[in-house]
Amino acid sequence: MRVLAISGSLRSGAYSTRLAEAAADLLPAEAVLELYGGLASIPNYDQDVEDVAAPEAVEDLRQRIDEADALLVVTPEYNASIPGGLKNAIDWASRPHGESALAGKPAAIVSNSPAPFGGVWANQQIRKAFTITGSPTVETELAIGKVDQKVAEDGSITDEQTRAQIRSLLNELRELVEATDKLKLEEAAA
């Protein structure tokens, strides 16, 4: 299983990026994780631009999503919402209508915050967007509160419960990928 991890934060040393990197060590056997690093280069969504040709950075994002078996989105919450850059990337990846890189792509979402609730609203908003894009998401909603007390400067997760939750979420993602693949085979045979 190839997992494309997208950190919703552009900040250097962000908790979201550290969590995404640490997830690579918590994957199920034979799974690999690639951390997408191009979020800052995605321009604002503009249908006039899309009608001419998608920018190179957008094509790169879409291709990486296409090549992955699943997505892992790890994000902070800004003002009770998704960071603008992440929402913009989701908007671009959801286009063109009928050919979206997100359609049918299994996903897992991890939100986080130094506050106790862990960015649960951002988690729910991404889940809502993925419902519209046709991206099946794992049932578990993982919102990591007090993340500043659970992730070290070196990126390691210092909290065993958090490690276990991420490992469990990634196993659930593997199961969703397998179920999605099986459904695609059944539909192709029908």
N, C-alpha and C. Protein backbone atom coordinates (compact mmCIF):
# COMPACT_ATOMS: atom_id res chain seq x y z
N MET A 1 0.85 -1.18 0.00
CA MET A 1 0.00 0.00 0.00
C MET A 1 0.90 1.24 0.00
N ARG A 2 0.65 2.13 -0.94
CA ARG A 2 1.36 3.41 -1.03
C ARG A 2 0.46 4.50 -0.48
N VAL A 3 0.93 5.18 0.56
CA VAL A 3 0.15 6.23 1.21
C VAL A 3 0.81 7.58 0.93
N LEU A 4 0.02 8.50 0.40
CA LEU A 4 0.49 9.87 0.23
C LEU A 4 0.01 10.67 1.44
N ALA A 5 0.95 11.18 2.22
CA ALA A 5 0.62 11.97 3.40
C ALA A 5 0.70 13.45 3.04
N ILE A 6 -0.32 14.19 3.40
CA ILE A 6 -0.37 15.63 3.15
C ILE A 6 -0.52 16.34 4.49
N SER A 7 0.48 17.16 4.82
CA SER A 7 0.39 17.98 6.02
C SER A 7 -0.31 19.27 5.65
N GLY A 8 -1.30 19.65 6.45
CA GLY A 8 -2.05 20.87 6.20
C GLY A 8 -1.35 22.13 6.65
N SER A 9 -0.18 21.99 7.24
CA SER A 9 0.54 23.15 7.75
C SER A 9 1.75 23.46 6.87
N LEU A 10 1.97 24.72 6.64
CA LEU A 10 3.14 25.16 5.88
C LEU A 10 4.30 25.54 6.81
N ARG A 11 4.04 25.62 8.08
CA ARG A 11 5.04 26.08 9.05
C ARG A 11 6.18 25.09 9.18
N SER A 12 7.39 25.59 9.22
CA SER A 12 8.57 24.76 9.44
C SER A 12 8.46 24.11 10.83
N GLY A 13 8.67 22.81 10.90
CA GLY A 13 8.60 22.11 12.18
C GLY A 13 7.19 21.92 12.71
N ALA A 14 6.20 22.02 11.86
CA ALA A 14 4.80 21.92 12.28
C ALA A 14 4.49 20.56 12.91
N TYR A 15 3.62 20.55 13.88
CA TYR A 15 3.19 19.29 14.50
C TYR A 15 2.57 18.35 13.47
N SER A 16 1.80 18.92 12.55
CA SER A 16 1.16 18.08 11.53
C SER A 16 2.19 17.37 10.68
N THR A 17 3.22 18.07 10.28
CA THR A 17 4.27 17.46 9.46
C THR A 17 5.02 16.42 10.27
N ARG A 18 5.31 16.72 11.52
CA ARG A 18 6.00 15.74 12.37
C ARG A 18 5.16 14.47 12.54
N LEU A 19 3.86 14.64 12.73
CA LEU A 19 2.98 13.47 12.87
C LEU A 19 2.94 12.66 11.57
N ALA A 20 2.88 13.35 10.44
CA ALA A 20 2.85 12.65 9.14
C ALA A 20 4.14 11.86 8.94
N GLU A 21 5.26 12.46 9.26
CA GLU A 21 6.55 11.76 9.13
C GLU A 21 6.63 10.57 10.08
N ALA A 22 6.16 10.75 11.31
CA ALA A 22 6.20 9.66 12.29
C ALA A 22 5.28 8.51 11.89
N ALA A 23 4.24 8.80 11.14
CA ALA A 23 3.31 7.76 10.70
C ALA A 23 4.00 6.72 9.82
N ALA A 24 5.08 7.11 9.16
CA ALA A 24 5.80 6.18 8.29
C ALA A 24 6.29 4.96 9.08
N ASP A 25 6.62 5.16 10.34
CA ASP A 25 7.10 4.05 11.18
C ASP A 25 5.97 3.24 11.81
N LEU A 26 4.74 3.67 11.61
CA LEU A 26 3.59 3.01 12.22
C LEU A 26 2.70 2.32 11.19
N LEU A 27 3.13 2.33 9.94
CA LEU A 27 2.36 1.72 8.86
C LEU A 27 2.29 0.20 9.00
N PRO A 28 1.25 -0.40 8.44
CA PRO A 28 1.20 -1.87 8.38
C PRO A 28 2.37 -2.39 7.53
N ALA A 29 2.68 -3.66 7.69
CA ALA A 29 3.78 -4.27 6.95
C ALA A 29 3.60 -4.05 5.45
N GLU A 30 4.70 -3.83 4.78
CA GLU A 30 4.77 -3.67 3.33
C GLU A 30 4.11 -2.40 2.81
N ALA A 31 3.74 -1.51 3.68
CA ALA A 31 3.18 -0.22 3.25
C ALA A 31 4.29 0.83 3.28
N VAL A 32 4.19 1.81 2.40
CA VAL A 32 5.16 2.89 2.35
C VAL A 32 4.42 4.21 2.36
N LEU A 33 5.08 5.23 2.90
CA LEU A 33 4.49 6.55 3.00
C LEU A 33 5.37 7.56 2.28
N GLU A 34 4.75 8.41 1.49
CA GLU A 34 5.44 9.53 0.85
C GLU A 34 4.81 10.79 1.40
N LEU A 35 5.65 11.70 1.88
CA LEU A 35 5.16 12.98 2.40
C LEU A 35 5.14 13.98 1.26
N TYR A 36 3.97 14.51 0.94
CA TYR A 36 3.83 15.51 -0.11
C TYR A 36 4.36 16.83 0.42
N GLY A 37 5.27 17.45 -0.31
CA GLY A 37 5.88 18.69 0.14
C GLY A 37 5.57 19.90 -0.71
N GLY A 38 4.59 19.80 -1.60
CA GLY A 38 4.33 20.89 -2.53
C GLY A 38 3.15 21.78 -2.23
N LEU A 39 2.61 21.69 -1.02
CA LEU A 39 1.39 22.44 -0.71
C LEU A 39 1.55 23.95 -0.93
N ALA A 40 2.70 24.49 -0.57
CA ALA A 40 2.92 25.94 -0.70
C ALA A 40 2.96 26.40 -2.16
N SER A 41 3.22 25.49 -3.07
CA SER A 41 3.32 25.87 -4.49
C SER A 41 2.00 25.79 -5.25
N ILE A 42 0.95 25.32 -4.59
CA ILE A 42 -0.35 25.22 -5.25
C ILE A 42 -0.99 26.60 -5.29
N PRO A 43 -1.28 27.13 -6.50
CA PRO A 43 -1.92 28.46 -6.56
C PRO A 43 -3.37 28.40 -6.11
N ASN A 44 -3.94 29.55 -5.86
CA ASN A 44 -5.36 29.61 -5.51
C ASN A 44 -6.18 29.02 -6.65
N TYR A 45 -7.22 28.27 -6.27
CA TYR A 45 -8.06 27.67 -7.30
C TYR A 45 -8.74 28.77 -8.12
N ASP A 46 -8.70 28.61 -9.44
CA ASP A 46 -9.31 29.56 -10.35
C ASP A 46 -9.78 28.78 -11.58
N GLN A 47 -11.07 28.71 -11.78
CA GLN A 47 -11.59 27.92 -12.89
C GLN A 47 -11.14 28.48 -14.24
N ASP A 48 -10.93 29.80 -14.33
CA ASP A 48 -10.42 30.37 -15.59
C ASP A 48 -9.05 29.79 -15.92
N VAL A 49 -8.21 29.63 -14.91
CA VAL A 49 -6.88 29.02 -15.12
C VAL A 49 -7.05 27.55 -15.49
N GLU A 50 -7.93 26.86 -14.77
CA GLU A 50 -8.15 25.44 -15.04
C GLU A 50 -8.67 25.22 -16.45
N ASP A 51 -9.53 26.10 -16.93
CA ASP A 51 -10.10 25.96 -18.27
C ASP A 51 -9.02 26.02 -19.35
N VAL A 52 -7.93 26.75 -19.08
CA VAL A 52 -6.82 26.83 -20.03
C VAL A 52 -5.91 25.62 -19.85
N ALA A 53 -5.39 25.45 -18.65
CA ALA A 53 -4.53 24.31 -18.31
C ALA A 53 -4.19 24.39 -16.83
N ALA A 54 -4.24 23.26 -16.17
CA ALA A 54 -3.89 23.24 -14.75
C ALA A 54 -2.41 23.55 -14.59
N PRO A 55 -2.05 24.35 -13.59
CA PRO A 55 -0.64 24.64 -13.34
C PRO A 55 0.16 23.36 -13.05
N GLU A 56 1.45 23.43 -13.30
CA GLU A 56 2.32 22.27 -13.12
C GLU A 56 2.24 21.71 -11.70
N ALA A 57 2.21 22.58 -10.70
CA ALA A 57 2.14 22.13 -9.31
C ALA A 57 0.85 21.35 -9.05
N VAL A 58 -0.23 21.76 -9.68
CA VAL A 58 -1.51 21.07 -9.53
C VAL A 58 -1.45 19.71 -10.22
N GLU A 59 -0.90 19.66 -11.41
CA GLU A 59 -0.75 18.38 -12.11
C GLU A 59 0.09 17.40 -11.31
N ASP A 60 1.15 17.93 -10.67
CA ASP A 60 2.00 17.09 -9.82
C ASP A 60 1.20 16.52 -8.66
N LEU A 61 0.40 17.35 -7.99
CA LEU A 61 -0.43 16.89 -6.88
C LEU A 61 -1.39 15.81 -7.35
N ARG A 62 -2.09 16.07 -8.44
CA ARG A 62 -3.05 15.09 -8.96
C ARG A 62 -2.37 13.77 -9.31
N GLN A 63 -1.20 13.85 -9.92
CA GLN A 63 -0.47 12.63 -10.28
C GLN A 63 -0.07 11.84 -9.05
N ARG A 64 0.42 12.53 -8.04
CA ARG A 64 0.82 11.83 -6.80
C ARG A 64 -0.37 11.17 -6.12
N ILE A 65 -1.52 11.84 -6.15
CA ILE A 65 -2.73 11.24 -5.59
C ILE A 65 -3.12 10.02 -6.41
N ASP A 66 -3.10 10.14 -7.73
CA ASP A 66 -3.43 9.01 -8.61
C ASP A 66 -2.53 7.80 -8.34
N GLU A 67 -1.24 8.04 -8.13
CA GLU A 67 -0.27 6.96 -7.95
C GLU A 67 -0.37 6.31 -6.57
N ALA A 68 -0.94 7.01 -5.61
CA ALA A 68 -1.07 6.47 -4.25
C ALA A 68 -2.28 5.56 -4.16
N ASP A 69 -2.20 4.61 -3.24
CA ASP A 69 -3.35 3.76 -2.95
C ASP A 69 -4.30 4.43 -1.97
N ALA A 70 -3.74 5.37 -1.18
CA ALA A 70 -4.54 6.01 -0.12
C ALA A 70 -3.91 7.34 0.26
N LEU A 71 -4.71 8.15 0.93
CA LEU A 71 -4.26 9.44 1.44
C LEU A 71 -4.30 9.45 2.97
N LEU A 72 -3.32 10.12 3.55
CA LEU A 72 -3.32 10.42 4.98
C LEU A 72 -3.20 11.93 5.08
N VAL A 73 -4.24 12.58 5.54
CA VAL A 73 -4.23 14.04 5.71
C VAL A 73 -4.04 14.32 7.19
N VAL A 74 -3.00 15.10 7.50
CA VAL A 74 -2.69 15.46 8.88
C VAL A 74 -2.71 16.98 8.94
N THR A 75 -3.59 17.52 9.77
CA THR A 75 -3.80 18.98 9.71
C THR A 75 -4.03 19.62 11.06
N PRO A 76 -3.58 20.87 11.18
CA PRO A 76 -3.99 21.68 12.33
C PRO A 76 -5.37 22.26 12.05
N GLU A 77 -5.87 22.96 13.03
CA GLU A 77 -7.14 23.68 12.86
C GLU A 77 -6.84 25.16 13.05
N TYR A 78 -7.25 25.97 12.08
CA TYR A 78 -7.08 27.43 12.17
C TYR A 78 -8.45 28.07 12.25
N ASN A 79 -8.70 28.81 13.30
CA ASN A 79 -9.97 29.52 13.46
C ASN A 79 -11.17 28.60 13.24
N ALA A 80 -11.11 27.44 13.85
CA ALA A 80 -12.19 26.45 13.80
C ALA A 80 -12.43 25.92 12.38
N SER A 81 -11.37 25.89 11.57
CA SER A 81 -11.53 25.46 10.19
C SER A 81 -10.25 24.82 9.66
N ILE A 82 -10.31 24.40 8.39
CA ILE A 82 -9.17 23.82 7.68
C ILE A 82 -8.24 24.96 7.25
N PRO A 83 -6.93 24.77 7.31
CA PRO A 83 -6.03 25.79 6.76
C PRO A 83 -6.35 26.03 5.28
N GLY A 84 -6.26 27.27 4.86
CA GLY A 84 -6.62 27.65 3.51
C GLY A 84 -5.85 26.91 2.43
N GLY A 85 -4.56 26.70 2.62
CA GLY A 85 -3.75 26.01 1.62
C GLY A 85 -4.21 24.59 1.41
N LEU A 86 -4.60 23.91 2.47
CA LEU A 86 -5.08 22.54 2.36
C LEU A 86 -6.42 22.49 1.65
N LYS A 87 -7.32 23.39 2.01
CA LYS A 87 -8.63 23.43 1.34
C LYS A 87 -8.45 23.71 -0.15
N ASN A 88 -7.54 24.61 -0.47
CA ASN A 88 -7.25 24.93 -1.85
C ASN A 88 -6.74 23.71 -2.61
N ALA A 89 -5.84 22.93 -2.01
CA ALA A 89 -5.32 21.72 -2.64
C ALA A 89 -6.44 20.70 -2.87
N ILE A 90 -7.33 20.57 -1.90
CA ILE A 90 -8.48 19.66 -2.06
C ILE A 90 -9.35 20.13 -3.21
N ASP A 91 -9.58 21.43 -3.30
CA ASP A 91 -10.39 21.97 -4.40
C ASP A 91 -9.76 21.66 -5.75
N TRP A 92 -8.47 21.88 -5.91
CA TRP A 92 -7.79 21.58 -7.17
C TRP A 92 -7.83 20.09 -7.47
N ALA A 93 -7.57 19.26 -6.46
CA ALA A 93 -7.53 17.80 -6.68
C ALA A 93 -8.90 17.25 -7.02
N SER A 94 -9.95 17.96 -6.64
CA SER A 94 -11.31 17.48 -6.90
C SER A 94 -11.77 17.76 -8.33
N ARG A 95 -10.94 18.43 -9.09
CA ARG A 95 -11.27 18.84 -10.44
C ARG A 95 -10.43 18.05 -11.45
N PRO A 96 -10.75 17.97 -12.68
CA PRO A 96 -12.01 18.40 -13.25
C PRO A 96 -13.14 17.44 -12.85
N HIS A 97 -14.32 17.97 -12.84
CA HIS A 97 -15.49 17.18 -12.45
C HIS A 97 -15.57 15.92 -13.32
N GLY A 98 -15.77 14.80 -12.66
CA GLY A 98 -15.86 13.53 -13.37
C GLY A 98 -14.53 12.84 -13.58
N GLU A 99 -13.42 13.55 -13.34
CA GLU A 99 -12.08 12.98 -13.50
C GLU A 99 -11.21 13.28 -12.29
N SER A 100 -11.82 13.50 -11.17
CA SER A 100 -11.11 13.90 -9.95
C SER A 100 -10.13 12.83 -9.48
N ALA A 101 -8.93 13.27 -9.09
CA ALA A 101 -7.95 12.36 -8.51
C ALA A 101 -8.43 11.84 -7.16
N LEU A 102 -9.36 12.55 -6.53
CA LEU A 102 -9.85 12.15 -5.21
C LEU A 102 -10.99 11.13 -5.26
N ALA A 103 -11.66 11.04 -6.40
CA ALA A 103 -12.81 10.14 -6.50
C ALA A 103 -12.39 8.70 -6.26
N GLY A 104 -12.99 8.09 -5.24
CA GLY A 104 -12.70 6.70 -4.91
C GLY A 104 -11.40 6.48 -4.17
N LYS A 105 -10.66 7.53 -3.84
CA LYS A 105 -9.36 7.39 -3.16
C LYS A 105 -9.58 7.28 -1.65
N PRO A 106 -9.27 6.12 -1.06
CA PRO A 106 -9.43 5.96 0.39
C PRO A 106 -8.56 6.96 1.16
N ALA A 107 -9.09 7.45 2.27
CA ALA A 107 -8.37 8.47 3.04
C ALA A 107 -8.58 8.28 4.54
N ALA A 108 -7.58 8.75 5.27
CA ALA A 108 -7.65 8.84 6.73
C ALA A 108 -7.26 10.26 7.10
N ILE A 109 -7.85 10.78 8.17
CA ILE A 109 -7.63 12.16 8.57
C ILE A 109 -7.18 12.19 10.03
N VAL A 110 -6.11 12.94 10.28
CA VAL A 110 -5.65 13.18 11.64
C VAL A 110 -5.59 14.69 11.82
N SER A 111 -6.36 15.20 12.76
CA SER A 111 -6.27 16.63 13.09
C SER A 111 -5.55 16.74 14.42
N ASN A 112 -4.99 17.91 14.66
CA ASN A 112 -4.23 18.08 15.90
C ASN A 112 -4.19 19.54 16.30
N SER A 113 -4.01 19.75 17.60
CA SER A 113 -3.96 21.09 18.14
C SER A 113 -3.35 21.05 19.53
N PRO A 114 -2.67 22.12 19.93
CA PRO A 114 -2.24 22.20 21.32
C PRO A 114 -3.43 22.31 22.28
N ALA A 115 -4.59 22.72 21.77
CA ALA A 115 -5.80 22.78 22.58
C ALA A 115 -6.32 21.36 22.84
N PRO A 116 -7.12 21.17 23.86
CA PRO A 116 -7.56 19.82 24.23
C PRO A 116 -8.40 19.08 23.18
N PHE A 117 -9.12 19.80 22.31
CA PHE A 117 -10.04 19.12 21.40
C PHE A 117 -9.38 18.61 20.13
N GLY A 118 -8.15 18.99 19.87
CA GLY A 118 -7.39 18.39 18.79
C GLY A 118 -7.80 18.74 17.39
N GLY A 119 -8.49 19.84 17.21
CA GLY A 119 -8.86 20.25 15.86
C GLY A 119 -9.99 19.44 15.27
N VAL A 120 -10.92 19.04 16.09
CA VAL A 120 -12.01 18.17 15.64
C VAL A 120 -12.86 18.81 14.54
N TRP A 121 -12.99 20.14 14.55
CA TRP A 121 -13.79 20.78 13.50
C TRP A 121 -13.09 20.69 12.15
N ALA A 122 -11.79 20.87 12.12
CA ALA A 122 -11.04 20.73 10.86
C ALA A 122 -11.19 19.30 10.35
N ASN A 123 -11.09 18.34 11.24
CA ASN A 123 -11.24 16.93 10.88
C ASN A 123 -12.60 16.71 10.21
N GLN A 124 -13.64 17.23 10.82
CA GLN A 124 -14.99 17.06 10.29
C GLN A 124 -15.17 17.77 8.95
N GLN A 125 -14.54 18.92 8.78
CA GLN A 125 -14.68 19.64 7.52
C GLN A 125 -13.99 18.92 6.37
N ILE A 126 -12.84 18.33 6.63
CA ILE A 126 -12.17 17.55 5.59
C ILE A 126 -13.01 16.32 5.26
N ARG A 127 -13.52 15.68 6.28
CA ARG A 127 -14.40 14.53 6.07
C ARG A 127 -15.60 14.92 5.21
N LYS A 128 -16.17 16.08 5.47
CA LYS A 128 -17.31 16.55 4.69
C LYS A 128 -16.90 16.79 3.23
N ALA A 129 -15.75 17.44 3.03
CA ALA A 129 -15.25 17.69 1.67
C ALA A 129 -15.02 16.36 0.95
N PHE A 130 -14.45 15.38 1.64
CA PHE A 130 -14.19 14.08 1.02
C PHE A 130 -15.48 13.32 0.70
N THR A 131 -16.54 13.60 1.43
CA THR A 131 -17.83 13.01 1.08
C THR A 131 -18.27 13.53 -0.28
N ILE A 132 -18.09 14.81 -0.51
CA ILE A 132 -18.48 15.43 -1.78
C ILE A 132 -17.57 14.95 -2.92
N THR A 133 -16.28 14.77 -2.65
CA THR A 133 -15.34 14.35 -3.71
C THR A 133 -15.41 12.85 -3.99
N GLY A 134 -16.16 12.11 -3.17
CA GLY A 134 -16.27 10.67 -3.38
C GLY A 134 -15.06 9.91 -2.86
N SER A 135 -14.40 10.46 -1.87
CA SER A 135 -13.23 9.82 -1.26
C SER A 135 -13.67 9.09 0.01
N PRO A 136 -13.70 7.75 -0.01
CA PRO A 136 -14.10 7.04 1.20
C PRO A 136 -13.09 7.29 2.32
N THR A 137 -13.58 7.57 3.51
CA THR A 137 -12.70 7.81 4.65
C THR A 137 -12.92 6.74 5.72
N VAL A 138 -11.88 6.49 6.46
CA VAL A 138 -12.00 5.54 7.55
C VAL A 138 -13.01 6.07 8.56
N GLU A 139 -13.63 5.18 9.29
CA GLU A 139 -14.65 5.61 10.25
C GLU A 139 -14.07 6.37 11.43
N THR A 140 -12.88 6.00 11.86
CA THR A 140 -12.28 6.63 13.03
C THR A 140 -11.94 8.09 12.75
N GLU A 141 -12.38 8.95 13.66
CA GLU A 141 -12.01 10.37 13.60
C GLU A 141 -10.94 10.59 14.66
N LEU A 142 -9.70 10.78 14.20
CA LEU A 142 -8.59 10.95 15.14
C LEU A 142 -8.23 12.43 15.25
N ALA A 143 -8.52 13.00 16.41
CA ALA A 143 -8.20 14.39 16.73
C ALA A 143 -7.28 14.37 17.94
N ILE A 144 -6.04 14.77 17.74
CA ILE A 144 -5.03 14.69 18.80
C ILE A 144 -4.93 16.03 19.51
N GLY A 145 -5.46 16.09 20.71
CA GLY A 145 -5.38 17.29 21.53
C GLY A 145 -4.07 17.32 22.30
N LYS A 146 -3.68 18.52 22.71
CA LYS A 146 -2.43 18.74 23.44
C LYS A 146 -1.24 18.12 22.70
N VAL A 147 -1.24 18.29 21.38
CA VAL A 147 -0.20 17.69 20.54
C VAL A 147 1.19 18.16 20.95
N ASP A 148 1.30 19.37 21.46
CA ASP A 148 2.60 19.90 21.87
C ASP A 148 3.22 19.10 23.02
N GLN A 149 2.40 18.32 23.72
CA GLN A 149 2.90 17.48 24.80
C GLN A 149 3.12 16.03 24.35
N LYS A 150 2.84 15.74 23.07
CA LYS A 150 2.89 14.36 22.58
C LYS A 150 3.88 14.14 21.45
N VAL A 151 4.41 15.23 20.89
CA VAL A 151 5.36 15.12 19.79
C VAL A 151 6.61 15.92 20.15
N ALA A 152 7.76 15.26 20.07
CA ALA A 152 9.02 15.90 20.42
C ALA A 152 9.56 16.73 19.26
N GLU A 153 10.54 17.57 19.55
CA GLU A 153 11.19 18.41 18.53
C GLU A 153 11.75 17.57 17.38
N ASP A 154 12.25 16.37 17.70
CA ASP A 154 12.84 15.50 16.66
C ASP A 154 11.78 14.78 15.83
N GLY A 155 10.51 15.02 16.13
CA GLY A 155 9.43 14.42 15.37
C GLY A 155 8.90 13.13 15.95
N SER A 156 9.52 12.61 16.97
CA SER A 156 9.05 11.36 17.56
C SER A 156 7.79 11.61 18.39
N ILE A 157 6.93 10.60 18.38
CA ILE A 157 5.72 10.67 19.18
C ILE A 157 6.06 10.11 20.55
N THR A 158 5.92 10.95 21.56
CA THR A 158 6.33 10.57 22.91
C THR A 158 5.21 9.93 23.72
N ASP A 159 4.01 9.96 23.19
CA ASP A 159 2.84 9.44 23.88
C ASP A 159 2.43 8.10 23.28
N GLU A 160 2.50 7.05 24.07
CA GLU A 160 2.21 5.70 23.55
C GLU A 160 0.77 5.57 23.07
N GLN A 161 -0.18 6.19 23.73
CA GLN A 161 -1.58 6.12 23.29
C GLN A 161 -1.74 6.75 21.90
N THR A 162 -1.07 7.85 21.66
CA THR A 162 -1.13 8.51 20.35
C THR A 162 -0.53 7.61 19.28
N ARG A 163 0.62 6.99 19.57
CA ARG A 163 1.21 6.04 18.61
C ARG A 163 0.24 4.91 18.30
N ALA A 164 -0.38 4.38 19.33
CA ALA A 164 -1.34 3.27 19.14
C ALA A 164 -2.54 3.73 18.31
N GLN A 165 -3.01 4.95 18.54
CA GLN A 165 -4.16 5.46 17.79
C GLN A 165 -3.82 5.63 16.31
N ILE A 166 -2.64 6.15 16.03
CA ILE A 166 -2.22 6.33 14.63
C ILE A 166 -2.02 4.98 13.96
N ARG A 167 -1.39 4.05 14.67
CA ARG A 167 -1.19 2.70 14.11
C ARG A 167 -2.54 2.05 13.79
N SER A 168 -3.48 2.17 14.69
CA SER A 168 -4.82 1.61 14.47
C SER A 168 -5.51 2.28 13.28
N LEU A 169 -5.39 3.61 13.17
CA LEU A 169 -5.99 4.34 12.05
C LEU A 169 -5.39 3.87 10.72
N LEU A 170 -4.08 3.66 10.69
CA LEU A 170 -3.42 3.21 9.46
C LEU A 170 -3.82 1.78 9.11
N ASN A 171 -4.03 0.94 10.09
CA ASN A 171 -4.54 -0.41 9.82
C ASN A 171 -5.96 -0.34 9.26
N GLU A 172 -6.76 0.56 9.79
CA GLU A 172 -8.12 0.75 9.28
C GLU A 172 -8.07 1.27 7.84
N LEU A 173 -7.09 2.13 7.55
CA LEU A 173 -6.93 2.62 6.19
C LEU A 173 -6.56 1.48 5.24
N ARG A 174 -5.67 0.61 5.67
CA ARG A 174 -5.31 -0.56 4.85
C ARG A 174 -6.54 -1.40 4.55
N GLU A 175 -7.37 -1.64 5.55
CA GLU A 175 -8.60 -2.42 5.36
C GLU A 175 -9.54 -1.72 4.38
N LEU A 176 -9.62 -0.39 4.45
CA LEU A 176 -10.47 0.37 3.54
C LEU A 176 -9.93 0.27 2.11
N VAL A 177 -8.61 0.33 1.94
CA VAL A 177 -8.01 0.17 0.62
C VAL A 177 -8.35 -1.20 0.05
N GLU A 178 -8.21 -2.24 0.86
CA GLU A 178 -8.52 -3.60 0.41
C GLU A 178 -10.00 -3.73 0.02
N ALA A 179 -10.88 -3.16 0.82
CA ALA A 179 -12.32 -3.23 0.52
C ALA A 179 -12.64 -2.44 -0.75
N THR A 180 -12.01 -1.30 -0.92
CA THR A 180 -12.23 -0.48 -2.11
C THR A 180 -11.73 -1.20 -3.36
N ASP A 181 -10.54 -1.81 -3.25
CA ASP A 181 -9.99 -2.57 -4.38
C ASP A 181 -10.90 -3.74 -4.76
N LYS A 182 -11.43 -4.42 -3.75
CA LYS A 182 -12.31 -5.55 -4.00
C LYS A 182 -13.59 -5.08 -4.70
N LEU A 183 -14.13 -3.98 -4.26
CA LEU A 183 -15.34 -3.43 -4.87
C LEU A 183 -15.09 -3.04 -6.34
N LYS A 184 -13.93 -2.45 -6.61
CA LYS A 184 -13.58 -2.08 -7.99
C LYS A 184 -13.49 -3.31 -8.88
N LEU A 185 -12.90 -4.39 -8.36
CA LEU A 185 -12.81 -5.64 -9.14
C LEU A 185 -14.18 -6.22 -9.42
N GLU A 186 -15.05 -6.20 -8.41
CA GLU A 186 -16.41 -6.70 -8.59
C GLU A 186 -17.18 -5.89 -9.61
N GLU A 187 -17.02 -4.56 -9.57
CA GLU A 187 -17.70 -3.69 -10.52
C GLU A 187 -17.18 -3.90 -11.94
N ALA A 188 -15.87 -4.12 -12.06
CA ALA A 188 -15.27 -4.36 -13.38
C ALA A 188 -15.73 -5.69 -13.97
N ALA A 189 -15.96 -6.68 -13.10
CA ALA A 189 -16.39 -8.01 -13.56
C ALA A 189 -17.86 -8.04 -13.93
N ALA A 190 -18.63 -7.10 -13.39
CA ALA A 190 -20.09 -7.09 -13.62
C ALA A 190 -20.45 -6.60 -15.00
